[in-house]
């Protein structure tokens, strides 16, 4: 007969295996170059390469104000 500790270890082991399987399955959906489901990734246009990516919005400014030392 299994003890309570042995049963818990078995359950935790199964949870670990299930988590690993879920991570491996979701990782398979992406290619190394960033494409999905066998489709190649779309290259950036020149306009997308030059557009500003960082915007100092109100909530970002509030964060900076509250965290200045």
PDB file of N, CA and C in Angstrom:
ATOM      1  N   UNK A   1       0.844  -1.173   0.000  1.00  0.00           N
ATOM      2  CA  UNK A   1       0.000   0.000   0.000  1.00  0.00           C
ATOM      3  C   UNK A   1       0.896   1.246   0.000  1.00  0.00           C
ATOM      4  N   UNK A   2       0.519   2.229  -0.778  1.00  0.00           N
ATOM      5  CA  UNK A   2       1.278   3.465  -0.859  1.00  0.00           C
ATOM      6  C   UNK A   2       0.972   4.360   0.327  1.00  0.00           C
ATOM      7  N   UNK A   3       2.005   5.070   0.742  1.00  0.00           N
ATOM      8  CA  UNK A   3       1.790   6.035   1.813  1.00  0.00           C
ATOM      9  C   UNK A   3       1.327   7.353   1.197  1.00  0.00           C
ATOM     10  N   UNK A   4       0.889   8.273   2.052  1.00  0.00           N
ATOM     11  CA  UNK A   4       0.413   9.580   1.572  1.00  0.00           C
ATOM     12  C   UNK A   4       1.533  10.326   0.846  1.00  0.00           C
ATOM     13  N   UNK A   5       2.766  10.241   1.385  1.00  0.00           N
ATOM     14  CA  UNK A   5       3.897  10.951   0.783  1.00  0.00           C
ATOM     15  C   UNK A   5       4.199  10.408  -0.609  1.00  0.00           C
ATOM     16  N   UNK A   6       4.140   9.104  -0.775  1.00  0.00           N
ATOM     17  CA  UNK A   6       4.383   8.490  -2.068  1.00  0.00           C
ATOM     18  C   UNK A   6       3.313   8.897  -3.078  1.00  0.00           C
ATOM     19  N   UNK A   7       2.066   8.975  -2.642  1.00  0.00           N
ATOM     20  CA  UNK A   7       0.984   9.390  -3.529  1.00  0.00           C
ATOM     21  C   UNK A   7       1.178  10.832  -3.978  1.00  0.00           C
ATOM     22  N   UNK A   8       1.581  11.704  -3.027  1.00  0.00           N
ATOM     23  CA  UNK A   8       1.812  13.109  -3.378  1.00  0.00           C
ATOM     24  C   UNK A   8       2.936  13.247  -4.384  1.00  0.00           C
ATOM     25  N   UNK A   9       3.982  12.492  -4.185  1.00  0.00           N
ATOM     26  CA  UNK A   9       5.113  12.552  -5.117  1.00  0.00           C
ATOM     27  C   UNK A   9       4.679  12.131  -6.521  1.00  0.00           C
ATOM     28  N   UNK A  10       3.846  11.126  -6.600  1.00  0.00           N
ATOM     29  CA  UNK A  10       3.357  10.674  -7.901  1.00  0.00           C
ATOM     30  C   UNK A  10       2.530  11.748  -8.590  1.00  0.00           C
ATOM     31  N   UNK A  11       1.677  12.415  -7.815  1.00  0.00           N
ATOM     32  CA  UNK A  11       0.838  13.479  -8.372  1.00  0.00           C
ATOM     33  C   UNK A  11       1.707  14.641  -8.834  1.00  0.00           C
ATOM     34  N   UNK A  12       2.682  15.033  -8.012  1.00  0.00           N
ATOM     35  CA  UNK A  12       3.570  16.131  -8.389  1.00  0.00           C
ATOM     36  C   UNK A  12       4.394  15.773  -9.621  1.00  0.00           C
ATOM     37  N   UNK A  13       4.807  14.544  -9.727  1.00  0.00           N
ATOM     38  CA  UNK A  13       5.542  14.107 -10.907  1.00  0.00           C
ATOM     39  C   UNK A  13       4.692  14.199 -12.168  1.00  0.00           C
ATOM     40  N   UNK A  14       3.444  13.795 -12.068  1.00  0.00           N
ATOM     41  CA  UNK A  14       2.541  13.885 -13.215  1.00  0.00           C
ATOM     42  C   UNK A  14       2.276  15.335 -13.602  1.00  0.00           C
ATOM     43  N   UNK A  15       2.134  16.212 -12.605  1.00  0.00           N
ATOM     44  CA  UNK A  15       1.932  17.634 -12.903  1.00  0.00           C
ATOM     45  C   UNK A  15       3.152  18.210 -13.615  1.00  0.00           C
ATOM     46  N   UNK A  16       4.334  17.811 -13.190  1.00  0.00           N
ATOM     47  CA  UNK A  16       5.554  18.271 -13.852  1.00  0.00           C
ATOM     48  C   UNK A  16       5.625  17.802 -15.294  1.00  0.00           C
ATOM     49  N   UNK A  17       5.273  16.560 -15.527  1.00  0.00           N
ATOM     50  CA  UNK A  17       5.273  16.038 -16.900  1.00  0.00           C
ATOM     51  C   UNK A  17       4.236  16.745 -17.762  1.00  0.00           C
ATOM     52  N   UNK A  18       3.065  17.021 -17.193  1.00  0.00           N
ATOM     53  CA  UNK A  18       2.014  17.708 -17.953  1.00  0.00           C
ATOM     54  C   UNK A  18       2.453  19.124 -18.310  1.00  0.00           C
ATOM     55  N   UNK A  19       3.100  19.810 -17.380  1.00  0.00           N
ATOM     56  CA  UNK A  19       3.589  21.161 -17.662  1.00  0.00           C
ATOM     57  C   UNK A  19       4.649  21.169 -18.741  1.00  0.00           C
ATOM     58  N   UNK A  20       5.552  20.205 -18.696  1.00  0.00           N
ATOM     59  CA  UNK A  20       6.593  20.097 -19.717  1.00  0.00           C
ATOM     60  C   UNK A  20       5.985  19.813 -21.085  1.00  0.00           C
ATOM     61  N   UNK A  21       5.013  18.939 -21.129  1.00  0.00           N
ATOM     62  CA  UNK A  21       4.356  18.618 -22.402  1.00  0.00           C
ATOM     63  C   UNK A  21       3.624  19.835 -22.967  1.00  0.00           C
ATOM     64  N   UNK A  22       2.978  20.598 -22.107  1.00  0.00           N
ATOM     65  CA  UNK A  22       2.263  21.795 -22.563  1.00  0.00           C
ATOM     66  C   UNK A  22       3.236  22.831 -23.113  1.00  0.00           C
ATOM     67  N   UNK A  23       4.368  23.005 -22.456  1.00  0.00           N
ATOM     68  CA  UNK A  23       5.363  23.976 -22.920  1.00  0.00           C
ATOM     69  C   UNK A  23       5.958  23.537 -24.260  1.00  0.00           C
ATOM     70  N   UNK A  24       6.226  22.256 -24.409  1.00  0.00           N
ATOM     71  CA  UNK A  24       6.806  21.750 -25.656  1.00  0.00           C
ATOM     72  C   UNK A  24       5.812  21.889 -26.806  1.00  0.00           C
ATOM     73  N   UNK A  25       4.543  21.644 -26.538  1.00  0.00           N
ATOM     74  CA  UNK A  25       3.523  21.756 -27.578  1.00  0.00           C
ATOM     75  C   UNK A  25       3.369  23.189 -28.054  1.00  0.00           C
ATOM     76  N   UNK A  26       3.346  24.136 -27.122  1.00  0.00           N
ATOM     77  CA  UNK A  26       3.189  25.533 -27.526  1.00  0.00           C
ATOM     78  C   UNK A  26       4.437  26.046 -28.214  1.00  0.00           C
ATOM     79  N   UNK A  27       5.596  25.540 -27.850  1.00  0.00           N
ATOM     80  CA  UNK A  27       6.840  25.978 -28.494  1.00  0.00           C
ATOM     81  C   UNK A  27       6.917  25.478 -29.935  1.00  0.00           C
ATOM     82  N   UNK A  28       6.287  24.364 -30.234  1.00  0.00           N
ATOM     83  CA  UNK A  28       6.324  23.821 -31.590  1.00  0.00           C
ATOM     84  C   UNK A  28       5.553  24.683 -32.579  1.00  0.00           C
ATOM     85  N   UNK A  29       4.663  25.535 -32.116  1.00  0.00           N
ATOM     86  CA  UNK A  29       3.859  26.352 -33.016  1.00  0.00           C
ATOM     87  C   UNK A  29       4.685  27.444 -33.682  1.00  0.00           C
ATOM     88  N   UNK A  30       5.828  27.780 -33.108  1.00  0.00           N
ATOM     89  CA  UNK A  30       6.655  28.855 -33.639  1.00  0.00           C
ATOM     90  C   UNK A  30       7.911  28.309 -34.297  1.00  0.00           C
ATOM     91  N   UNK A  31       8.285  28.926 -35.411  1.00  0.00           N
ATOM     92  CA  UNK A  31       9.539  28.595 -36.065  1.00  0.00           C
ATOM     93  C   UNK A  31      10.652  29.425 -35.447  1.00  0.00           C
ATOM     94  N   UNK A  32      11.874  29.061 -35.731  1.00  0.00           N
ATOM     95  CA  UNK A  32      13.010  29.798 -35.189  1.00  0.00           C
ATOM     96  C   UNK A  32      13.023  31.226 -35.716  1.00  0.00           C
ATOM     97  N   UNK A  33      12.611  31.451 -36.953  1.00  0.00           N
ATOM     98  CA  UNK A  33      12.641  32.800 -37.525  1.00  0.00           C
ATOM     99  C   UNK A  33      11.416  33.634 -37.145  1.00  0.00           C
ATOM    100  N   UNK A  34      10.535  33.108 -36.322  1.00  0.00           N
ATOM    101  CA  UNK A  34       9.385  33.875 -35.861  1.00  0.00           C
ATOM    102  C   UNK A  34       8.102  33.564 -36.597  1.00  0.00           C
ATOM    103  N   UNK A  35       8.132  32.720 -37.608  1.00  0.00           N
ATOM    104  CA  UNK A  35       6.915  32.362 -38.322  1.00  0.00           C
ATOM    105  C   UNK A  35       6.052  31.439 -37.477  1.00  0.00           C
ATOM    106  N   UNK A  36       4.822  31.263 -37.901  1.00  0.00           N
ATOM    107  CA  UNK A  36       3.902  30.391 -37.171  1.00  0.00           C
ATOM    108  C   UNK A  36       3.260  29.405 -38.118  1.00  0.00           C
ATOM    109  N   UNK A  37       3.026  28.205 -37.615  1.00  0.00           N
ATOM    110  CA  UNK A  37       2.292  27.162 -38.324  1.00  0.00           C
ATOM    111  C   UNK A  37       2.857  26.892 -39.712  1.00  0.00           C
ATOM    112  N   UNK A  38       4.162  26.885 -39.832  1.00  0.00           N
ATOM    113  CA  UNK A  38       4.791  26.587 -41.108  1.00  0.00           C
ATOM    114  C   UNK A  38       4.851  27.755 -42.065  1.00  0.00           C
ATOM    115  N   UNK A  39       4.267  28.880 -41.699  1.00  0.00           N
ATOM    116  CA  UNK A  39       4.288  30.066 -42.553  1.00  0.00           C
ATOM    117  C   UNK A  39       5.503  30.921 -42.203  1.00  0.00           C
ATOM    118  N   UNK A  40       6.186  31.462 -43.197  1.00  0.00           N
ATOM    119  CA  UNK A  40       7.328  32.323 -42.875  1.00  0.00           C
ATOM    120  C   UNK A  40       6.867  33.634 -42.261  1.00  0.00           C
ATOM    121  N   UNK A  41       7.758  34.234 -41.478  1.00  0.00           N
ATOM    122  CA  UNK A  41       7.406  35.516 -40.877  1.00  0.00           C
ATOM    123  C   UNK A  41       7.396  36.599 -41.946  1.00  0.00           C
ATOM    124  N   UNK A  42       6.569  37.610 -41.736  1.00  0.00           N
ATOM    125  CA  UNK A  42       6.460  38.712 -42.691  1.00  0.00           C
ATOM    126  C   UNK A  42       7.583  39.698 -42.414  1.00  0.00           C
ATOM    127  N   UNK A  43       8.404  40.019 -43.408  1.00  0.00           N
ATOM    128  CA  UNK A  43       9.479  40.982 -43.169  1.00  0.00           C
ATOM    129  C   UNK A  43       8.927  42.382 -42.925  1.00  0.00           C
ATOM    130  N   UNK A  44       9.641  43.170 -42.123  1.00  0.00           N
ATOM    131  CA  UNK A  44       9.228  44.536 -41.845  1.00  0.00           C
ATOM    132  C   UNK A  44       9.433  45.404 -43.078  1.00  0.00           C
ATOM    133  N   UNK A  45       8.517  46.298 -43.302  1.00  0.00           N
ATOM    134  CA  UNK A  45       8.685  47.262 -44.389  1.00  0.00           C
ATOM    135  C   UNK A  45       9.626  48.368 -43.911  1.00  0.00           C
ATOM    136  N   UNK A  46      10.092  49.190 -44.821  1.00  0.00           N
ATOM    137  CA  UNK A  46      10.981  50.295 -44.453  1.00  0.00           C
ATOM    138  C   UNK A  46      10.277  51.262 -43.489  1.00  0.00           C
ATOM    139  N   UNK A  47       8.981  51.495 -43.723  1.00  0.00           N
ATOM    140  CA  UNK A  47       8.229  52.388 -42.845  1.00  0.00           C
ATOM    141  C   UNK A  47       8.141  51.813 -41.426  1.00  0.00           C
ATOM    142  N   UNK A  48       7.944  50.491 -41.326  1.00  0.00           N
ATOM    143  CA  UNK A  48       7.870  49.856 -40.006  1.00  0.00           C
ATOM    144  C   UNK A  48       9.223  49.886 -39.298  1.00  0.00           C
ATOM    145  N   UNK A  49      10.296  49.790 -40.063  1.00  0.00           N
ATOM    146  CA  UNK A  49      11.625  49.837 -39.462  1.00  0.00           C
ATOM    147  C   UNK A  49      11.935  51.212 -38.896  1.00  0.00           C
ATOM    148  N   UNK A  50      11.394  52.260 -39.493  1.00  0.00           N
ATOM    149  CA  UNK A  50      11.721  53.620 -39.093  1.00  0.00           C
ATOM    150  C   UNK A  50      10.726  54.235 -38.104  1.00  0.00           C
ATOM    151  N   UNK A  51       9.583  53.602 -37.906  1.00  0.00           N
ATOM    152  CA  UNK A  51       8.574  54.185 -37.024  1.00  0.00           C
ATOM    153  C   UNK A  51       9.062  54.175 -35.578  1.00  0.00           C
ATOM    154  N   UNK A  52       8.641  55.154 -34.803  1.00  0.00           N
ATOM    155  CA  UNK A  52       9.052  55.169 -33.397  1.00  0.00           C
ATOM    156  C   UNK A  52       8.365  54.030 -32.639  1.00  0.00           C
ATOM    157  N   UNK A  53       9.107  53.324 -31.839  1.00  0.00           N
ATOM    158  CA  UNK A  53       8.549  52.185 -31.121  1.00  0.00           C
ATOM    159  C   UNK A  53       8.283  52.493 -29.660  1.00  0.00           C
ATOM    160  N   UNK A  54       8.974  53.457 -29.128  1.00  0.00           N
ATOM    161  CA  UNK A  54       8.814  53.800 -27.721  1.00  0.00           C
ATOM    162  C   UNK A  54       8.026  55.088 -27.609  1.00  0.00           C
ATOM    163  N   UNK A  55       6.949  55.032 -26.840  1.00  0.00           N
ATOM    164  CA  UNK A  55       6.146  56.230 -26.618  1.00  0.00           C
ATOM    165  C   UNK A  55       6.083  56.492 -25.123  1.00  0.00           C
ATOM    166  N   UNK A  56       6.467  57.684 -24.719  1.00  0.00           N
ATOM    167  CA  UNK A  56       6.423  58.025 -23.308  1.00  0.00           C
ATOM    168  C   UNK A  56       5.016  58.536 -22.986  1.00  0.00           C
ATOM    169  N   UNK A  57       4.130  57.609 -22.712  1.00  0.00           N
ATOM    170  CA  UNK A  57       2.736  57.937 -22.439  1.00  0.00           C
ATOM    171  C   UNK A  57       2.587  58.425 -20.997  1.00  0.00           C
ATOM    172  N   UNK A  58       1.377  58.822 -20.638  1.00  0.00           N
ATOM    173  CA  UNK A  58       1.110  59.371 -19.310  1.00  0.00           C
ATOM    174  C   UNK A  58       1.448  58.367 -18.208  1.00  0.00           C
ATOM    175  N   UNK A  59       1.087  57.102 -18.399  1.00  0.00           N
ATOM    176  CA  UNK A  59       1.373  56.132 -17.332  1.00  0.00           C
ATOM    177  C   UNK A  59       2.863  55.863 -17.202  1.00  0.00           C
ATOM    178  N   UNK A  60       3.619  55.962 -18.288  1.00  0.00           N
ATOM    179  CA  UNK A  60       5.073  55.811 -18.215  1.00  0.00           C
ATOM    180  C   UNK A  60       5.675  57.005 -17.482  1.00  0.00           C
ATOM    181  N   UNK A  61       5.201  58.197 -17.775  1.00  0.00           N
ATOM    182  CA  UNK A  61       5.688  59.387 -17.083  1.00  0.00           C
ATOM    183  C   UNK A  61       5.371  59.311 -15.584  1.00  0.00           C
ATOM    184  N   UNK A  62       4.201  58.801 -15.249  1.00  0.00           N
ATOM    185  CA  UNK A  62       3.834  58.649 -13.836  1.00  0.00           C
ATOM    186  C   UNK A  62       4.766  57.649 -13.152  1.00  0.00           C
ATOM    187  N   UNK A  63       5.117  56.596 -13.836  1.00  0.00           N
ATOM    188  CA  UNK A  63       6.044  55.619 -13.285  1.00  0.00           C
ATOM    189  C   UNK A  63       7.395  56.262 -13.003  1.00  0.00           C
ATOM    190  N   UNK A  64       7.906  57.025 -13.955  1.00  0.00           N
ATOM    191  CA  UNK A  64       9.188  57.699 -13.767  1.00  0.00           C
ATOM    192  C   UNK A  64       9.110  58.687 -12.605  1.00  0.00           C
ATOM    193  N   UNK A  65       8.004  59.424 -12.493  1.00  0.00           N
ATOM    194  CA  UNK A  65       7.856  60.397 -11.406  1.00  0.00           C
ATOM    195  C   UNK A  65       7.888  59.713 -10.041  1.00  0.00           C
ATOM    196  N   UNK A  66       7.210  58.598  -9.916  1.00  0.00           N
ATOM    197  CA  UNK A  66       7.119  57.952  -8.620  1.00  0.00           C
ATOM    198  C   UNK A  66       8.381  57.163  -8.264  1.00  0.00           C
ATOM    199  N   UNK A  67       9.215  56.835  -9.235  1.00  0.00           N
ATOM    200  CA  UNK A  67      10.395  56.012  -8.952  1.00  0.00           C
ATOM    201  C   UNK A  67      11.706  56.767  -9.046  1.00  0.00           C
ATOM    202  N   UNK A  68      11.659  58.063  -9.110  1.00  0.00           N
ATOM    203  CA  UNK A  68      12.911  58.826  -9.079  1.00  0.00           C
ATOM    204  C   UNK A  68      13.458  58.807  -7.661  1.00  0.00           C
ATOM    205  N   UNK A  69      14.737  58.646  -7.590  1.00  0.00           N
ATOM    206  CA  UNK A  69      15.339  58.536  -6.257  1.00  0.00           C
ATOM    207  C   UNK A  69      16.058  59.728  -5.913  1.00  0.00           C
TER     208      UNK A  69
END
